[in-house]
Amino acid sequence: MSDIESARGQSVRLKDVSMVFDGFTAVQPTDLTIEAGEFFSILGPSGCGKTTLLRIVSGFQAATSGAVEIGGRPVDHLAANRRPTAMIFQSLALFPLMTVWENVAFGLAARGIGKRERRTRAEELLALVALEGQADKRPAQLSGGQRQRVAVARALAVEPSVLCLDEPLSALDLKLRQHMRAELRAIQKRTGVTFIYITHDQGEALSMSDRLAVMNAGRIEQVGAASDIYDRPATPFVASFVGEQNVFRGRVAEVRDNMAYVEGIEGRFLGRNVSGLKTGDAAMLLVRPERTGLVNGGPAPGNLIEARIERRELEGPYLNIVARGRGERPIVLHLANDGRVADTNGSTRIGFACEDALVMTDDASALSAAQVDD
């Protein structure tokens, strides 16, 4: 195994870190620990403070208060070029007049390493990111995905313990983005470097990360594995921002153990009382479109809605059904396109299991914020 592939990341710890710009609090006091060698994503809408947090870690921004530790050592007194970090910006910032290998070796030249050693190191890194034979090309001769990998190789050349990536895939088309997700994940696994990945794309965060943090209005609302964030959201914002939800608003009519009935314009539904609400509290019941189905005979689930189908949208292997009940919000169903949904016109019954529904505090501002994206 090469030195490149045996590299190891270091942990990152934020202690009560905050950032205030001209009276505006971009980052609320934040405590966060990222484990060594972890692929960690910070997910949130535009303007939530995630890039500011990344710049504080990498040294491009000094925090207003709090402390940053990398590998258990304070780094607040160190400039960006003295920290064991490297950063990949959204623009990539490759040098167009340099060859690919010269771009990769740029940081090594600044350290006074000789040309022959720089070339050798650059070619090792290009092989690591599957760009053998591309060393003497210019960045303009490469595809978008290849340029992305050059940026990764250049960042790894300085042997960082922590690699910070600020929405690096946002300029790529969908298929290339999906391909590069797998590429970046594979590179991170091979090197063992700690990755901190900033994104507003929930698909990226859920598919790539060991753990992720969901951020909103300068505050981290939940940290956990992808399955925890998706299946067990801790707040209304997390529930609404990560994935889609059908939302039914009303008041708690009855509480039974860890379950609660919510009664509103659409009807009376039972779900898991994750917010610990009491009878009479304003509430919203949320259920994911893929956990919501058409009831065409057979055993009915715990919750039923009389609705009228407005339209169907085919997405290859998936069929999206948009229906309308008595409420203002449409009801969305994500179904497998397996040929069994033949007639989706007119009136129907929609159902979902009680265990698949979450009863949470009614928070209209969280729902609105979760709709904002860039």
Protein backbone atom coordinates (compact mmCIF):
# COMPACT_ATOMS: atom_id res chain seq x y z
CA MET A 1 0.00 0.00 0.00
CA SER A 2 1.37 3.46 -0.95
CA ASP A 3 1.90 6.31 1.51
CA ILE A 4 -1.03 8.04 -0.16
CA GLU A 5 -3.39 5.16 0.51
CA SER A 6 -2.18 4.69 4.09
CA ALA A 7 -2.84 8.29 5.12
CA ARG A 8 -5.05 8.73 8.15
CA GLY A 9 -7.44 11.49 9.07
CA GLN A 10 -7.77 13.30 12.36
CA SER A 11 -10.77 14.21 14.45
CA VAL A 12 -12.29 17.70 14.41
CA ARG A 13 -13.96 19.22 17.44
CA LEU A 14 -15.85 22.49 17.64
CA LYS A 15 -16.37 23.90 21.13
CA ASP A 16 -19.06 26.55 21.45
CA VAL A 17 -18.09 28.02 18.07
CA SER A 18 -20.13 30.99 16.82
CA MET A 19 -19.85 33.55 14.03
CA VAL A 20 -21.38 37.04 13.98
CA PHE A 21 -21.17 39.38 10.97
CA ASP A 22 -22.15 43.02 11.63
CA GLY A 23 -24.73 42.03 14.21
CA PHE A 24 -26.03 39.05 12.22
CA THR A 25 -25.43 35.64 13.81
CA ALA A 26 -24.44 33.33 10.96
CA VAL A 27 -23.51 30.43 13.26
CA GLN A 28 -25.16 29.95 16.65
CA PRO A 29 -22.93 28.58 19.47
CA THR A 30 -22.11 25.10 18.19
CA ASP A 31 -20.57 21.98 19.68
CA LEU A 32 -19.69 19.26 17.17
CA THR A 33 -17.30 16.31 17.04
CA ILE A 34 -16.27 14.69 13.74
CA GLU A 35 -14.42 11.41 14.15
CA ALA A 36 -11.05 10.69 12.56
CA GLY A 37 -11.39 9.11 9.11
CA GLU A 38 -15.10 9.90 8.89
CA PHE A 39 -17.00 11.09 5.83
CA PHE A 40 -19.11 13.76 7.50
CA SER A 41 -21.59 15.99 5.67
CA ILE A 42 -23.22 19.24 6.77
CA LEU A 43 -26.56 19.54 5.03
CA GLY A 44 -28.80 22.59 4.90
CA PRO A 45 -30.44 25.24 2.73
CA SER A 46 -28.65 28.23 1.27
CA GLY A 47 -27.62 30.76 3.92
CA CYS A 48 -27.89 28.40 6.89
CA GLY A 49 -24.24 28.88 7.92
CA LYS A 50 -22.74 25.60 6.71
CA THR A 51 -20.02 27.15 4.51
CA THR A 52 -19.11 29.59 7.29
CA LEU A 53 -18.63 26.63 9.63
CA LEU A 54 -16.36 24.94 7.07
CA ARG A 55 -14.28 28.09 6.62
CA ILE A 56 -13.83 28.31 10.39
CA VAL A 57 -12.52 24.72 10.48
CA SER A 58 -10.12 25.29 7.58
CA GLY A 59 -8.84 28.63 8.89
CA PHE A 60 -10.21 30.91 6.19
CA GLN A 61 -12.51 32.54 8.76
CA ALA A 62 -11.82 33.32 12.41
CA ALA A 63 -14.71 32.44 14.71
CA THR A 64 -16.25 35.17 16.83
CA SER A 65 -16.11 32.85 19.84
CA GLY A 66 -15.32 29.27 20.71
CA ALA A 67 -12.46 26.95 19.79
CA VAL A 68 -11.51 24.47 17.07
CA GLU A 69 -9.39 21.38 17.71
CA ILE A 70 -7.97 19.04 15.06
CA GLY A 71 -6.47 15.79 16.27
CA GLY A 72 -7.00 16.96 19.85
CA ARG A 73 -4.85 20.08 19.35
CA PRO A 74 -6.09 23.70 19.26
CA VAL A 75 -5.69 25.30 15.82
CA ASP A 76 -7.35 28.70 16.26
CA HIS A 77 -3.94 30.42 16.30
CA LEU A 78 -2.93 28.79 12.98
CA ALA A 79 -3.54 30.33 9.56
CA ALA A 80 -5.18 28.24 6.86
CA ASN A 81 -1.84 27.23 5.28
CA ARG A 82 -0.53 26.03 8.66
CA ARG A 83 -3.46 23.79 9.52
CA PRO A 84 -3.57 20.06 8.63
CA THR A 85 -6.47 20.80 6.29
CA ALA A 86 -7.10 21.35 2.58
CA MET A 87 -10.15 22.87 0.97
CA ILE A 88 -11.90 22.28 -2.35
CA PHE A 89 -14.06 25.22 -3.37
CA GLN A 90 -17.20 25.10 -5.47
CA SER A 91 -15.36 26.73 -8.40
CA LEU A 92 -12.45 24.20 -8.17
CA ALA A 93 -10.01 27.07 -9.01
CA LEU A 94 -7.69 25.04 -11.26
CA PHE A 95 -4.95 26.99 -13.04
CA PRO A 96 -5.84 26.94 -16.77
CA LEU A 97 -2.30 27.55 -18.08
CA MET A 98 -0.76 24.75 -16.02
CA THR A 99 -0.85 21.09 -16.98
CA VAL A 100 -2.84 18.65 -14.89
CA TRP A 101 0.22 17.37 -13.05
CA GLU A 102 1.44 20.91 -12.38
CA ASN A 103 -1.95 21.75 -10.89
CA VAL A 104 -1.76 18.70 -8.64
CA ALA A 105 1.81 19.49 -7.57
CA PHE A 106 1.27 23.21 -6.99
CA GLY A 107 1.23 22.91 -3.19
CA LEU A 108 4.38 20.77 -3.27
CA ALA A 109 6.26 23.42 -5.26
CA ALA A 110 5.35 25.96 -2.58
CA ARG A 111 7.02 23.62 -0.07
CA GLY A 112 10.25 23.58 -2.04
CA ILE A 113 10.01 19.97 -3.28
CA GLY A 114 12.02 19.29 -6.46
CA LYS A 115 10.39 18.91 -9.87
CA ARG A 116 11.13 15.19 -10.30
CA GLU A 117 9.64 14.32 -6.91
CA ARG A 118 6.67 16.59 -7.58
CA ARG A 119 5.98 14.83 -10.87
CA THR A 120 6.23 11.39 -9.26
CA ARG A 121 3.91 12.39 -6.45
CA ALA A 122 1.44 13.99 -8.87
CA GLU A 123 1.26 10.85 -11.01
CA GLU A 124 0.68 8.68 -7.93
CA LEU A 125 -2.22 10.92 -6.96
CA LEU A 126 -3.62 10.96 -10.49
CA ALA A 127 -3.60 7.15 -10.45
CA LEU A 128 -5.42 7.26 -7.10
CA VAL A 129 -8.22 9.33 -8.65
CA ALA A 130 -8.29 7.23 -11.87
CA LEU A 131 -6.65 9.83 -14.13
CA GLU A 132 -3.66 7.87 -15.40
CA GLY A 133 -2.35 9.25 -18.69
CA GLN A 134 -3.87 12.72 -18.18
CA ALA A 135 -0.87 14.40 -16.54
CA ASP A 136 0.24 16.52 -19.50
CA LYS A 137 -3.19 17.80 -20.53
CA ARG A 138 -4.60 21.18 -19.63
CA PRO A 139 -7.72 21.41 -17.43
CA ALA A 140 -9.76 22.65 -20.41
CA GLN A 141 -9.11 19.33 -22.18
CA LEU A 142 -10.78 17.36 -19.39
CA SER A 143 -14.44 16.67 -18.66
CA GLY A 144 -16.17 18.22 -15.67
CA GLY A 145 -15.82 15.03 -13.66
CA GLN A 146 -12.12 14.73 -14.51
CA ARG A 147 -11.49 18.33 -13.43
CA GLN A 148 -13.25 17.54 -10.18
CA ARG A 149 -10.86 14.65 -9.58
CA VAL A 150 -7.86 16.87 -10.37
CA ALA A 151 -9.05 19.23 -7.63
CA VAL A 152 -9.26 16.30 -5.20
CA ALA A 153 -5.77 15.10 -6.15
CA ARG A 154 -4.35 18.62 -5.70
CA ALA A 155 -5.91 18.85 -2.25
CA LEU A 156 -4.53 15.43 -1.25
CA ALA A 157 -1.03 16.32 -2.47
CA VAL A 158 -0.34 18.38 0.67
CA GLU A 159 -1.26 15.33 2.79
CA PRO A 160 -4.08 16.88 4.80
CA SER A 161 -5.60 15.12 7.76
CA VAL A 162 -8.92 16.85 7.01
CA LEU A 163 -10.29 17.60 3.54
CA CYS A 164 -13.01 20.27 3.42
CA LEU A 165 -15.30 20.23 0.36
CA ASP A 166 -17.68 23.13 -0.27
CA GLU A 167 -20.48 21.91 -2.59
CA PRO A 168 -17.93 20.59 -5.12
CA LEU A 169 -20.46 18.76 -7.33
CA SER A 170 -23.09 21.46 -7.69
CA ALA A 171 -21.99 22.52 -11.20
CA LEU A 172 -22.14 18.99 -12.64
CA ASP A 173 -25.11 17.40 -14.38
CA LEU A 174 -27.17 14.77 -12.57
CA LYS A 175 -25.55 11.62 -13.99
CA LEU A 176 -22.02 12.95 -13.48
CA ARG A 177 -22.91 14.07 -9.97
CA GLN A 178 -24.13 10.58 -9.13
CA HIS A 179 -20.96 9.07 -10.58
CA MET A 180 -18.72 11.47 -8.66
CA ARG A 181 -20.48 10.66 -5.39
CA ALA A 182 -19.22 7.11 -5.68
CA GLU A 183 -15.76 8.30 -6.79
CA LEU A 184 -15.35 10.66 -3.83
CA ARG A 185 -16.57 8.05 -1.38
CA ALA A 186 -14.11 5.50 -2.77
CA ILE A 187 -11.21 7.98 -2.58
CA GLN A 188 -12.08 8.82 1.02
CA LYS A 189 -12.16 5.15 1.97
CA ARG A 190 -8.80 4.47 0.29
CA THR A 191 -7.00 7.40 1.91
CA GLY A 192 -8.62 7.42 5.35
CA VAL A 193 -8.59 11.23 5.31
CA THR A 194 -11.40 12.90 7.27
CA PHE A 195 -13.84 14.47 4.77
CA ILE A 196 -16.12 17.35 5.77
CA TYR A 197 -18.57 17.81 2.93
CA ILE A 198 -20.92 20.79 2.56
CA THR A 199 -24.07 20.34 0.49
CA HIS A 200 -27.69 21.41 0.11
CA ASP A 201 -28.39 18.17 -1.80
CA GLN A 202 -29.94 15.61 0.53
CA GLY A 203 -29.23 12.77 -1.93
CA GLU A 204 -25.52 13.49 -1.72
CA ALA A 205 -25.52 13.70 2.05
CA LEU A 206 -27.60 10.56 2.59
CA SER A 207 -25.73 8.38 0.09
CA MET A 208 -22.13 9.39 0.86
CA SER A 209 -21.86 10.11 4.58
CA ASP A 210 -20.94 8.03 7.58
CA ARG A 211 -22.81 10.67 9.56
CA LEU A 212 -24.32 14.04 8.77
CA ALA A 213 -25.50 17.19 10.49
CA VAL A 214 -28.63 19.05 9.38
CA MET A 215 -28.26 22.79 9.79
CA ASN A 216 -30.88 25.53 9.78
CA ALA A 217 -30.57 29.27 10.50
CA GLY A 218 -27.10 28.94 11.97
CA ARG A 219 -27.96 26.03 14.24
CA ILE A 220 -27.29 22.30 13.92
CA GLU A 221 -30.65 20.63 14.53
CA GLN A 222 -29.62 16.97 14.38
CA VAL A 223 -26.51 14.82 13.94
CA GLY A 224 -26.65 11.13 13.07
CA ALA A 225 -26.33 8.39 10.51
CA ALA A 226 -28.37 8.74 7.31
CA SER A 227 -30.95 6.20 8.47
CA ASP A 228 -31.43 8.02 11.78
CA ILE A 229 -31.86 11.40 10.10
CA TYR A 230 -34.31 10.06 7.53
CA ASP A 231 -36.34 7.65 9.64
CA ARG A 232 -36.13 9.38 13.03
CA PRO A 233 -35.97 13.15 12.45
CA ALA A 234 -35.66 15.11 15.67
CA THR A 235 -37.33 18.38 14.61
CA PRO A 236 -40.01 19.55 12.18
CA PHE A 237 -37.35 21.21 10.03
CA VAL A 238 -35.28 18.03 9.71
CA ALA A 239 -38.40 16.00 8.95
CA SER A 240 -39.43 18.42 6.19
CA PHE A 241 -36.02 19.25 4.70
CA VAL A 242 -34.62 15.73 4.44
CA GLY A 243 -36.87 13.93 1.98
CA GLU A 244 -40.50 14.69 1.23
CA GLN A 245 -43.42 14.58 3.64
CA ASN A 246 -47.18 14.64 3.41
CA VAL A 247 -48.26 17.05 6.14
CA PHE A 248 -51.63 17.01 7.92
CA ARG A 249 -52.16 19.81 10.43
CA GLY A 250 -54.60 19.88 13.32
CA ARG A 251 -54.73 19.38 17.07
CA VAL A 252 -53.99 16.43 19.30
CA ALA A 253 -57.33 14.80 20.08
CA GLU A 254 -56.04 11.93 22.23
CA VAL A 255 -52.73 10.56 23.52
CA ARG A 256 -52.11 6.85 24.06
CA ASP A 257 -48.69 5.87 25.40
CA ASN A 258 -46.22 7.01 22.72
CA MET A 259 -48.93 7.52 20.09
CA ALA A 260 -51.25 10.47 19.44
CA TYR A 261 -54.39 11.13 17.40
CA VAL A 262 -54.30 14.31 15.32
CA GLU A 263 -57.65 15.70 14.20
CA GLY A 264 -57.88 18.22 11.37
CA ILE A 265 -59.65 19.04 8.14
CA GLU A 266 -58.47 15.82 6.47
CA GLY A 267 -59.71 13.59 9.29
CA ARG A 268 -58.43 11.88 12.41
CA PHE A 269 -55.06 10.11 12.13
CA LEU A 270 -52.84 8.19 14.51
CA GLY A 271 -49.05 8.47 14.58
CA ARG A 272 -45.97 8.26 16.77
CA ASN A 273 -45.92 11.13 19.27
CA VAL A 274 -42.23 11.99 18.83
CA SER A 275 -42.63 15.52 20.25
CA GLY A 276 -44.37 14.39 23.42
CA LEU A 277 -47.46 16.50 22.72
CA LYS A 278 -50.50 16.68 24.97
CA THR A 279 -54.23 16.73 24.21
CA GLY A 280 -55.20 20.07 22.67
CA ASP A 281 -51.72 20.94 21.38
CA ALA A 282 -51.36 22.22 17.83
CA ALA A 283 -49.72 19.46 15.82
CA MET A 284 -48.78 18.23 12.41
CA LEU A 285 -48.71 14.63 11.35
CA LEU A 286 -46.09 13.76 8.73
CA VAL A 287 -45.79 10.66 6.57
CA ARG A 288 -43.42 10.05 3.67
CA PRO A 289 -44.85 9.63 0.14
CA GLU A 290 -43.21 6.20 -0.23
CA ARG A 291 -45.00 5.06 2.94
CA THR A 292 -48.36 6.26 1.58
CA GLY A 293 -50.36 4.02 -0.78
CA LEU A 294 -53.58 3.52 -2.67
CA VAL A 295 -56.09 1.29 -0.92
CA ASN A 296 -57.78 -0.84 -3.56
CA GLY A 297 -59.37 -3.63 -1.58
CA GLY A 298 -57.42 -5.88 0.76
CA PRO A 299 -56.55 -5.05 4.37
CA ALA A 300 -56.65 -1.33 5.11
CA PRO A 301 -53.81 0.36 7.01
CA GLY A 302 -54.42 2.26 10.23
CA ASN A 303 -55.10 5.64 8.60
CA LEU A 304 -57.40 6.28 5.62
CA ILE A 305 -58.16 9.37 3.53
CA GLU A 306 -60.84 9.86 0.92
CA ALA A 307 -59.21 11.70 -1.96
CA ARG A 308 -59.38 12.44 -5.67
CA ILE A 309 -56.39 11.85 -7.91
CA GLU A 310 -55.35 14.94 -9.84
CA ARG A 311 -52.43 13.66 -11.89
CA ARG A 312 -49.78 11.00 -12.29
CA GLU A 313 -46.12 11.61 -13.09
CA LEU A 314 -43.98 8.83 -14.53
CA GLU A 315 -40.29 8.76 -13.57
CA GLY A 316 -39.17 5.54 -15.20
CA PRO A 317 -39.19 2.92 -12.43
CA TYR A 318 -41.30 5.17 -10.19
CA LEU A 319 -44.83 6.51 -10.45
CA ASN A 320 -45.77 9.64 -8.54
CA ILE A 321 -49.45 10.14 -7.77
CA VAL A 322 -50.71 13.58 -6.75
CA ALA A 323 -54.10 13.55 -5.02
CA ARG A 324 -56.29 16.01 -3.18
CA GLY A 325 -58.33 15.44 -0.04
CA ARG A 326 -60.28 18.06 1.88
CA GLY A 327 -57.18 20.08 2.79
CA GLU A 328 -55.23 22.68 0.85
CA ARG A 329 -52.03 20.65 0.51
CA PRO A 330 -51.77 17.95 -2.16
CA ILE A 331 -51.12 14.38 -1.06
CA VAL A 332 -48.18 12.76 -2.88
CA LEU A 333 -47.58 9.03 -3.29
CA HIS A 334 -44.35 7.48 -4.59
CA LEU A 335 -45.12 4.04 -6.00
CA ALA A 336 -43.10 1.43 -7.83
CA ASN A 337 -43.92 1.35 -11.54
CA ASP A 338 -44.60 -2.38 -11.47
CA GLY A 339 -47.72 -2.40 -13.66
CA ARG A 340 -50.10 -2.95 -10.78
CA VAL A 341 -51.37 0.65 -10.68
CA ALA A 342 -53.55 0.53 -13.76
CA ASP A 343 -56.35 3.00 -13.04
CA THR A 344 -55.36 6.13 -11.18
CA ASN A 345 -58.23 8.41 -12.12
CA GLY A 346 -61.06 9.76 -10.01
CA SER A 347 -61.89 9.09 -6.38
CA THR A 348 -59.80 6.74 -4.32
CA ARG A 349 -58.77 5.89 -0.79
CA ILE A 350 -55.26 6.57 0.42
CA GLY A 351 -53.79 4.87 3.44
CA PHE A 352 -50.70 4.72 5.64
CA ALA A 353 -49.66 2.79 8.72
CA CYS A 354 -49.76 4.49 12.11
CA GLU A 355 -46.14 3.49 12.80
CA ASP A 356 -44.99 5.31 9.65
CA ALA A 357 -46.49 8.65 10.74
CA LEU A 358 -44.79 11.21 12.99
CA VAL A 359 -46.73 13.59 15.22
CA MET A 360 -44.70 16.75 15.84
CA THR A 361 -45.16 20.28 17.10
CA ASP A 362 -46.92 22.41 14.48
CA ASP A 363 -44.15 24.66 13.17
CA ALA A 364 -45.12 26.58 10.04
CA SER A 365 -41.80 28.45 10.01
CA ALA A 366 -39.90 25.15 9.89
CA LEU A 367 -42.02 23.99 6.96
CA SER A 368 -41.35 27.25 5.13
CA ALA A 369 -37.61 27.15 5.80
CA ALA A 370 -37.43 23.58 4.56
CA GLN A 371 -38.79 24.69 1.18
CA VAL A 372 -35.88 27.11 0.66
CA ASP A 373 -33.04 25.75 -1.44
CA ASP A 374 -30.44 26.97 -3.87
